[in-house]
Amino acid sequence: MRCAVAASQDESLSVALTQASHRAVADLGEIPTLAVVFISKAYGDQIASVMENLNDVIGSQKLIACTAEGVLADGIEFEDGPAVSVWLAHLPGATIETFAMEYRHTADGASFLGWPTGLLEEWPQHASVILLADPFSFPIDQFIARLHEDRPGVPIMGGMASGGDEPGFNRLVVDSRSYDAGAVGFVIGGSARIRPVVSQGCKPIGHTYVVTKADENLIVELGGKPALQRLREVFGTLDESDKQLVRTALHVGRVASEYQETFARGDFLVRNVVGADPDSGVIAVGDHVRTGQTIQFHVRDGSSAHDDLRELLKREAVTGCKPVGILLFTCNGRGTRLFDTPNHDAACLQECLGPVPTAGFFAQGEIGPIGERNCLHGFTASVAIIEETSPHS
């Protein structure tokens, strides 16, 4: 198995795609089984016509693509200006089924249409989903819930296209078809599988607490005391820098799986704290909370995001196989908006796991599993590590 990636910043989109694809094909040295292409929205009016014929330029058996605010290739992030990233893979023995999905209201309720016939029955061993979705027309939370019902345990990795600021301005491509709504993606399995790493960029503070009273998105009590009182207790133990982060960037992480004795990075689904009532002691968060769940307060800044990504990747470098390739879906609130230096996430991947052919884009929401449940995230780096499976795994 082999992967290759190349980028171009030529101001002509047609030229940029030709340049990047020729370089990637030359580096691959094989006929590509799969292509994933990300195109900067800076190309504007050039995008629609070129993406209609994208597969003619790339020449891969299977292809998905989307427009984005910024793209990346290997250790470089192109946050502004025209740029394309072309990632190619030669994956003998892998099962790959591409699809275009749309959401419809029917007489029987909401439906997701577009699964290929090859996926209506048995899915391949080690199956995973890569998904690129339009945020204006595709209800990703409902899709995640539906797939969990139908295919529990199958990871979904991907991101929400960020190439348009209003409906109809994102472009999605699967194989030879182009769309301005819905979602495109592929299911991959067999001899290739995806190992997910989801870095939410936060660090835990204080201790874990059991929610002893909750009401929808309101945490009323933690360990038998008002939630805000527990937060004040944690606040009193912090240094001045972490106290400032509590004031400006406070989050709550709820444990993804309660069947553990201890909890560490990667075990929490992190959500924003959206408000607190000093009179009642209630804390409101951006998620539903249930009595009996375990939570811990978290904070986020560039330093915590760096440490979180690096620690998770280092853990994977020790426990996992050598990656064949990587697809990275990182938040458009990261990059130089979060970190002091450019190319942070892309460079960190190369440092911890590389050299490995990597492509990705700055998304308007990132998809990836925490524990056994897939989720939509923000300010997250969702890393899909492609690896070759052994015949007996």
Protein backbone atom coordinates (compact mmCIF):
# COMPACT_ATOMS: atom_id res chain seq x y z
CA MET A 1 0.00 0.00 0.00
CA ARG A 2 1.17 3.48 -0.86
CA CYS A 3 -0.09 7.06 -0.59
CA ALA A 4 1.15 10.34 -2.03
CA VAL A 5 0.15 13.98 -1.74
CA ALA A 6 0.95 17.19 -3.58
CA ALA A 7 -0.26 20.79 -3.46
CA SER A 8 -0.26 23.75 -5.82
CA GLN A 9 -0.97 27.44 -5.32
CA ASP A 10 -1.24 28.39 -8.98
CA GLU A 11 -3.88 31.08 -9.49
CA SER A 12 -5.52 29.02 -12.24
CA LEU A 13 -7.50 26.18 -10.65
CA SER A 14 -7.14 23.97 -13.73
CA VAL A 15 -3.38 24.46 -13.73
CA ALA A 16 -3.13 23.92 -9.99
CA LEU A 17 -5.05 20.63 -10.14
CA THR A 18 -2.97 19.40 -13.08
CA GLN A 19 0.28 20.27 -11.34
CA ALA A 20 -0.68 18.71 -8.02
CA SER A 21 -2.14 15.54 -9.53
CA HIS A 22 0.89 14.97 -11.80
CA ARG A 23 3.26 15.33 -8.85
CA ALA A 24 1.18 13.02 -6.68
CA VAL A 25 0.91 10.37 -9.41
CA ALA A 26 4.66 10.51 -9.97
CA ASP A 27 5.32 10.05 -6.25
CA LEU A 28 2.75 7.26 -5.95
CA GLY A 29 4.24 5.24 -8.79
CA GLU A 30 1.03 3.19 -9.03
CA ILE A 31 -2.47 3.55 -10.43
CA PRO A 32 -4.45 5.33 -7.69
CA THR A 33 -7.27 3.37 -6.10
CA LEU A 34 -8.60 6.43 -4.29
CA ALA A 35 -8.23 10.21 -4.53
CA VAL A 36 -9.22 12.85 -1.97
CA VAL A 37 -9.04 16.47 -3.15
CA PHE A 38 -9.48 19.72 -1.22
CA ILE A 39 -9.87 23.03 -3.05
CA SER A 40 -9.60 26.50 -1.54
CA LYS A 41 -12.68 28.70 -1.84
CA ALA A 42 -10.32 31.49 -2.97
CA TYR A 43 -10.70 30.15 -6.53
CA GLY A 44 -14.22 31.58 -6.57
CA ASP A 45 -15.96 31.44 -9.93
CA GLN A 46 -13.47 28.91 -11.30
CA ILE A 47 -14.66 26.19 -8.93
CA ALA A 48 -18.02 25.04 -10.31
CA SER A 49 -16.96 24.28 -13.88
CA VAL A 50 -13.64 22.69 -12.93
CA MET A 51 -15.16 20.42 -10.28
CA GLU A 52 -17.69 19.12 -12.79
CA ASN A 53 -14.77 17.44 -14.59
CA LEU A 54 -12.49 16.81 -11.63
CA ASN A 55 -12.15 13.06 -12.11
CA ASP A 56 -11.01 13.57 -15.70
CA VAL A 57 -8.02 15.50 -14.33
CA ILE A 58 -7.23 13.21 -11.39
CA GLY A 59 -7.92 9.89 -13.09
CA SER A 60 -8.58 7.80 -9.97
CA GLN A 61 -10.93 4.84 -9.72
CA LYS A 62 -12.66 6.42 -6.69
CA LEU A 63 -12.68 10.11 -5.74
CA ILE A 64 -14.19 12.52 -3.24
CA ALA A 65 -13.57 16.27 -2.96
CA CYS A 66 -14.87 19.43 -1.34
CA THR A 67 -14.24 23.16 -1.19
CA ALA A 68 -12.75 24.64 1.97
CA GLU A 69 -11.62 27.84 3.62
CA GLY A 70 -8.06 26.47 3.67
CA VAL A 71 -6.29 23.23 2.79
CA LEU A 72 -3.15 21.39 3.87
CA ALA A 73 -0.63 18.98 2.40
CA ASP A 74 2.06 17.16 4.37
CA GLY A 75 3.48 19.67 6.88
CA ILE A 76 2.12 22.85 5.26
CA GLU A 77 -1.20 24.58 5.94
CA PHE A 78 -2.54 26.96 3.29
CA GLU A 79 -4.95 29.05 5.33
CA ASP A 80 -5.42 31.88 2.84
CA GLY A 81 -5.31 32.35 -0.90
CA PRO A 82 -5.67 29.82 -3.73
CA ALA A 83 -4.42 26.29 -3.06
CA VAL A 84 -5.34 22.71 -3.88
CA SER A 85 -4.31 19.50 -2.14
CA VAL A 86 -4.43 16.17 -4.00
CA TRP A 87 -4.03 12.99 -1.96
CA LEU A 88 -3.79 9.65 -3.77
CA ALA A 89 -3.77 6.10 -2.44
CA HIS A 90 -2.96 2.72 -3.96
CA LEU A 91 -4.74 0.24 -1.66
CA PRO A 92 -4.68 -3.32 -3.04
CA GLY A 93 -7.14 -5.59 -1.29
CA ALA A 94 -9.12 -2.75 0.25
CA THR A 95 -12.88 -2.50 -0.18
CA ILE A 96 -13.91 1.08 -1.03
CA GLU A 97 -17.48 2.16 -1.73
CA THR A 98 -18.07 5.83 -2.57
CA PHE A 99 -21.44 7.49 -2.08
CA ALA A 100 -23.37 10.74 -2.35
CA MET A 101 -25.95 11.23 0.38
CA GLU A 102 -28.98 13.52 0.57
CA TYR A 103 -31.44 14.22 3.34
CA ARG A 104 -35.17 14.19 2.63
CA HIS A 105 -38.40 14.52 4.55
CA THR A 106 -40.76 11.71 3.52
CA ALA A 107 -44.17 10.52 4.62
CA ASP A 108 -42.41 8.03 6.88
CA GLY A 109 -40.14 10.67 8.41
CA ALA A 110 -36.62 11.81 7.73
CA SER A 111 -34.54 9.70 5.35
CA PHE A 112 -30.94 9.59 4.20
CA LEU A 113 -30.77 8.50 0.58
CA GLY A 114 -27.75 7.43 -1.39
CA TRP A 115 -26.14 4.34 0.11
CA PRO A 116 -24.71 2.26 -2.74
CA THR A 117 -26.21 -1.18 -3.23
CA GLY A 118 -22.91 -2.75 -2.13
CA LEU A 119 -23.50 -1.39 1.38
CA LEU A 120 -27.11 -2.43 1.85
CA GLU A 121 -26.17 -5.81 3.34
CA GLU A 122 -22.82 -6.91 4.77
CA TRP A 123 -20.16 -4.24 5.29
CA PRO A 124 -16.45 -5.05 4.94
CA GLN A 125 -14.32 -6.05 7.90
CA HIS A 126 -12.68 -3.06 9.67
CA ALA A 127 -15.25 -0.73 8.04
CA SER A 128 -14.93 3.02 8.59
CA VAL A 129 -16.63 6.03 6.97
CA ILE A 130 -14.98 9.18 5.63
CA LEU A 131 -17.58 11.93 5.19
CA LEU A 132 -17.51 15.45 3.70
CA ALA A 133 -20.79 17.26 4.31
CA ASP A 134 -22.44 20.58 3.50
CA PRO A 135 -23.35 22.27 6.81
CA PHE A 136 -26.41 24.02 5.36
CA SER A 137 -28.25 21.00 3.94
CA PHE A 138 -27.04 17.91 5.78
CA PRO A 139 -28.09 17.30 9.42
CA ILE A 140 -24.94 15.58 10.57
CA ASP A 141 -26.13 14.84 14.12
CA GLN A 142 -29.13 12.94 12.75
CA PHE A 143 -26.92 11.04 10.32
CA ILE A 144 -24.53 10.05 13.11
CA ALA A 145 -27.47 8.82 15.22
CA ARG A 146 -28.89 6.84 12.31
CA LEU A 147 -25.58 5.16 11.51
CA HIS A 148 -25.13 4.29 15.19
CA GLU A 149 -28.45 2.47 15.07
CA ASP A 150 -27.67 0.65 11.83
CA ARG A 151 -23.90 0.09 12.19
CA PRO A 152 -22.87 0.52 15.83
CA GLY A 153 -19.14 0.78 16.36
CA VAL A 154 -18.31 1.97 12.82
CA PRO A 155 -16.18 5.14 13.13
CA ILE A 156 -17.06 8.21 11.07
CA MET A 157 -14.25 10.65 10.31
CA GLY A 158 -14.52 13.84 8.30
CA GLY A 159 -15.58 17.44 8.32
CA MET A 160 -18.16 19.99 7.28
CA ALA A 161 -17.24 21.81 4.08
CA SER A 162 -16.14 25.39 4.68
CA GLY A 163 -16.00 26.71 1.13
CA GLY A 164 -19.28 28.63 1.26
CA ASP A 165 -20.88 31.10 3.64
CA GLU A 166 -24.45 30.37 2.57
CA PRO A 167 -26.48 27.51 1.09
CA GLY A 168 -25.48 26.39 -2.40
CA PHE A 169 -21.92 27.77 -2.29
CA ASN A 170 -20.08 24.63 -1.17
CA ARG A 171 -19.09 22.13 -3.83
CA LEU A 172 -18.83 18.39 -3.21
CA VAL A 173 -17.62 15.76 -5.68
CA VAL A 174 -17.83 11.98 -5.68
CA ASP A 175 -16.31 10.13 -8.63
CA SER A 176 -17.67 12.00 -11.70
CA ARG A 177 -20.60 13.75 -9.99
CA SER A 178 -20.68 17.23 -8.46
CA TYR A 179 -23.13 18.61 -5.89
CA ASP A 180 -23.83 21.83 -4.00
CA ALA A 181 -25.67 20.13 -1.09
CA GLY A 182 -25.78 16.91 0.88
CA ALA A 183 -22.70 14.85 1.66
CA VAL A 184 -20.16 12.67 -0.11
CA GLY A 185 -17.82 10.06 1.25
CA PHE A 186 -16.66 6.50 1.19
CA VAL A 187 -16.74 3.37 3.29
CA ILE A 188 -13.36 1.67 3.51
CA GLY A 189 -12.44 -1.73 4.93
CA GLY A 190 -10.84 -5.05 4.12
CA SER A 191 -7.06 -4.79 3.90
CA ALA A 192 -7.14 -1.10 4.90
CA ARG A 193 -8.61 0.39 8.03
CA ILE A 194 -8.77 3.78 9.69
CA ARG A 195 -7.44 4.44 13.16
CA PRO A 196 -9.10 7.60 14.54
CA VAL A 197 -7.41 10.19 16.73
CA VAL A 198 -9.63 13.04 17.93
CA SER A 199 -7.87 15.92 19.69
CA GLN A 200 -10.35 18.34 21.25
CA GLY A 201 -7.58 20.69 22.35
CA CYS A 202 -8.50 20.88 26.03
CA LYS A 203 -6.90 19.93 29.31
CA PRO A 204 -8.81 18.71 32.37
CA ILE A 205 -8.76 20.71 35.59
CA GLY A 206 -9.75 19.61 39.08
CA HIS A 207 -11.35 16.25 39.76
CA THR A 208 -14.09 14.18 38.14
CA TYR A 209 -17.60 14.51 39.55
CA VAL A 210 -20.77 12.48 39.18
CA VAL A 211 -23.80 14.47 38.04
CA THR A 212 -26.35 14.01 40.82
CA LYS A 213 -29.03 16.28 39.35
CA ALA A 214 -29.53 17.51 35.77
CA ASP A 215 -32.21 18.98 33.53
CA GLU A 216 -31.59 18.70 29.78
CA ASN A 217 -28.50 20.89 29.20
CA LEU A 218 -28.34 22.12 32.80
CA ILE A 219 -25.99 20.64 35.39
CA VAL A 220 -27.77 21.30 38.68
CA GLU A 221 -25.68 19.29 41.14
CA LEU A 222 -22.28 17.61 41.12
CA GLY A 223 -21.57 15.13 43.89
CA GLY A 224 -24.57 16.38 45.85
CA LYS A 225 -23.56 20.05 45.77
CA PRO A 226 -24.59 22.89 43.43
CA ALA A 227 -22.55 22.68 40.21
CA LEU A 228 -21.27 26.24 40.48
CA GLN A 229 -20.05 25.58 44.04
CA ARG A 230 -17.99 22.65 42.70
CA LEU A 231 -16.53 24.90 40.01
CA ARG A 232 -15.58 27.48 42.63
CA GLU A 233 -13.81 24.74 44.59
CA VAL A 234 -11.80 23.79 41.48
CA PHE A 235 -11.09 27.45 40.72
CA GLY A 236 -9.49 27.93 44.13
CA THR A 237 -6.88 25.23 43.40
CA LEU A 238 -5.67 26.68 40.07
CA ASP A 239 -2.73 28.90 39.19
CA GLU A 240 -3.39 32.36 37.75
CA SER A 241 -3.07 31.34 34.07
CA ASP A 242 -5.63 28.54 34.43
CA LYS A 243 -7.94 30.85 36.38
CA GLN A 244 -7.91 33.21 33.42
CA LEU A 245 -8.79 30.31 31.08
CA VAL A 246 -11.73 29.42 33.31
CA ARG A 247 -12.97 32.99 32.84
CA THR A 248 -12.60 32.92 29.04
CA ALA A 249 -12.48 29.32 27.76
CA LEU A 250 -14.30 26.99 30.17
CA HIS A 251 -15.65 23.65 28.98
CA VAL A 252 -17.15 20.52 30.46
CA GLY A 253 -16.07 17.03 29.42
CA ARG A 254 -18.37 14.10 30.01
CA VAL A 255 -16.90 10.62 30.07
CA ALA A 256 -17.59 8.71 26.86
CA SER A 257 -17.48 5.30 28.56
CA GLU A 258 -18.29 4.88 32.24
CA TYR A 259 -16.77 1.37 32.28
CA GLN A 260 -13.31 2.59 33.29
CA GLU A 261 -11.62 3.00 36.63
CA THR A 262 -9.59 6.04 35.59
CA PHE A 263 -10.02 8.70 32.91
CA ALA A 264 -7.44 10.54 30.79
CA ARG A 265 -7.13 12.62 27.61
CA GLY A 266 -9.35 11.25 24.88
CA ASP A 267 -11.89 9.78 27.31
CA PHE A 268 -14.10 12.89 27.46
CA LEU A 269 -16.55 14.44 25.01
CA VAL A 270 -15.89 18.15 25.49
CA ARG A 271 -18.64 20.76 25.17
CA ASN A 272 -18.81 24.53 25.83
CA VAL A 273 -20.06 26.02 29.07
CA VAL A 274 -22.66 28.50 27.83
CA GLY A 275 -23.70 30.09 31.11
CA ALA A 276 -24.12 29.87 34.88
CA ASP A 277 -26.63 31.18 37.40
CA PRO A 278 -24.97 32.42 40.62
CA ASP A 279 -28.28 32.31 42.50
CA SER A 280 -29.25 28.70 41.77
CA GLY A 281 -25.71 27.40 41.18
CA VAL A 282 -26.75 25.81 37.87
CA ILE A 283 -24.27 25.53 34.95
CA ALA A 284 -25.55 25.37 31.36
CA VAL A 285 -23.57 23.44 28.72
CA GLY A 286 -23.89 22.87 24.99
CA ASP A 287 -25.15 19.29 25.31
CA HIS A 288 -27.74 17.17 27.08
CA VAL A 289 -26.59 15.94 30.48
CA ARG A 290 -27.98 13.01 32.44
CA THR A 291 -27.91 12.17 36.13
CA GLY A 292 -25.23 9.56 36.81
CA GLN A 293 -22.79 10.75 34.16
CA THR A 294 -19.20 11.54 35.13
CA ILE A 295 -17.87 14.96 34.13
CA GLN A 296 -14.74 17.04 34.56
CA PHE A 297 -14.14 20.72 33.88
CA HIS A 298 -11.73 21.53 31.03
CA VAL A 299 -10.05 24.65 29.60
CA ARG A 300 -8.65 25.35 26.14
CA ASP A 301 -5.95 27.56 24.65
CA GLY A 302 -3.13 27.16 22.14
CA SER A 303 -0.85 25.55 24.68
CA SER A 304 -3.42 23.00 25.85
CA ALA A 305 -4.37 22.24 22.22
CA HIS A 306 -0.70 21.63 21.37
CA ASP A 307 -0.18 19.34 24.36
CA ASP A 308 -3.39 17.42 23.71
CA LEU A 309 -2.64 16.70 20.05
CA ARG A 310 0.98 15.82 20.69
CA GLU A 311 0.18 13.48 23.59
CA LEU A 312 -2.51 11.63 21.64
CA LEU A 313 -0.29 11.25 18.56
CA LYS A 314 2.69 10.07 20.60
CA ARG A 315 0.43 7.46 22.17
CA GLU A 316 -0.61 6.26 18.71
CA ALA A 317 3.01 6.19 17.50
CA VAL A 318 3.85 3.73 20.28
CA THR A 319 0.77 1.49 20.08
CA GLY A 320 -0.17 1.57 16.39
CA CYS A 321 1.23 0.43 13.05
CA LYS A 322 3.19 2.67 10.71
CA PRO A 323 0.60 4.80 8.86
CA VAL A 324 0.16 4.42 5.11
CA GLY A 325 -1.43 7.87 4.87
CA ILE A 326 -3.39 10.41 6.87
CA LEU A 327 -6.45 12.59 6.28
CA LEU A 328 -6.76 15.53 8.69
CA PHE A 329 -9.93 17.51 9.39
CA THR A 330 -9.02 20.48 11.56
CA CYS A 331 -11.21 23.33 12.75
CA ASN A 332 -11.07 26.65 10.92
CA GLY A 333 -10.73 28.18 14.39
CA ARG A 334 -7.34 26.50 14.77
CA GLY A 335 -4.34 27.35 12.55
CA THR A 336 -2.88 30.78 13.26
CA ARG A 337 -6.17 31.79 14.91
CA LEU A 338 -5.27 29.52 17.82
CA PHE A 339 -1.53 28.88 17.61
CA ASP A 340 1.38 31.32 17.65
CA THR A 341 3.12 29.65 14.68
CA PRO A 342 1.79 28.53 11.28
CA ASN A 343 1.34 24.91 10.14
CA HIS A 344 0.82 23.67 13.69
CA ASP A 345 -1.41 20.62 13.24
CA ALA A 346 0.12 19.51 9.94
CA ALA A 347 3.66 19.84 11.28
CA CYS A 348 2.77 18.04 14.51
CA LEU A 349 1.48 15.04 12.54
CA GLN A 350 4.72 14.81 10.58
CA GLU A 351 6.82 15.17 13.71
CA CYS A 352 4.95 12.51 15.69
CA LEU A 353 3.92 10.01 12.98
CA GLY A 354 5.81 10.95 9.84
CA PRO A 355 7.00 11.25 7.32
CA VAL A 356 3.58 10.21 6.03
CA PRO A 357 1.53 11.57 3.08
CA THR A 358 -1.11 13.80 4.67
CA ALA A 359 -3.89 15.95 3.26
CA GLY A 360 -6.77 17.81 4.87
CA PHE A 361 -8.74 21.00 5.22
CA PHE A 362 -9.97 23.57 7.72
CA ALA A 363 -13.53 22.50 8.48
CA GLN A 364 -16.66 24.17 9.79
CA GLY A 365 -17.14 21.26 12.20
CA GLU A 366 -15.13 18.07 12.60
CA ILE A 367 -16.43 14.51 12.86
CA GLY A 368 -14.84 11.74 14.88
CA PRO A 369 -15.46 9.20 17.63
CA ILE A 370 -14.97 9.65 21.35
CA GLY A 371 -15.03 6.16 22.78
CA GLU A 372 -17.57 4.17 20.78
CA ARG A 373 -19.75 7.14 19.77
CA ASN A 374 -19.25 9.37 16.76
CA CYS A 375 -19.71 13.11 17.39
CA LEU A 376 -19.60 16.49 15.70
CA HIS A 377 -16.92 18.68 17.28
CA GLY A 378 -15.57 22.22 17.22
CA PHE A 379 -12.00 23.47 17.66
CA THR A 380 -10.89 19.87 17.11
CA ALA A 381 -8.28 18.08 15.02
CA SER A 382 -9.85 14.85 13.74
CA VAL A 383 -7.10 12.60 12.38
CA ALA A 384 -7.89 9.58 10.17
CA ILE A 385 -4.83 7.33 10.12
CA ILE A 386 -4.93 4.82 7.25
CA GLU A 387 -3.06 1.61 7.98
CA GLU A 388 -2.70 -1.82 6.39
CA THR A 389 -4.30 -4.69 8.24
CA SER A 390 -2.64 -8.03 8.77
CA PRO A 391 -4.34 -11.07 7.21
CA HIS A 392 -5.37 -12.36 10.64
CA SER A 393 -6.38 -9.08 12.32
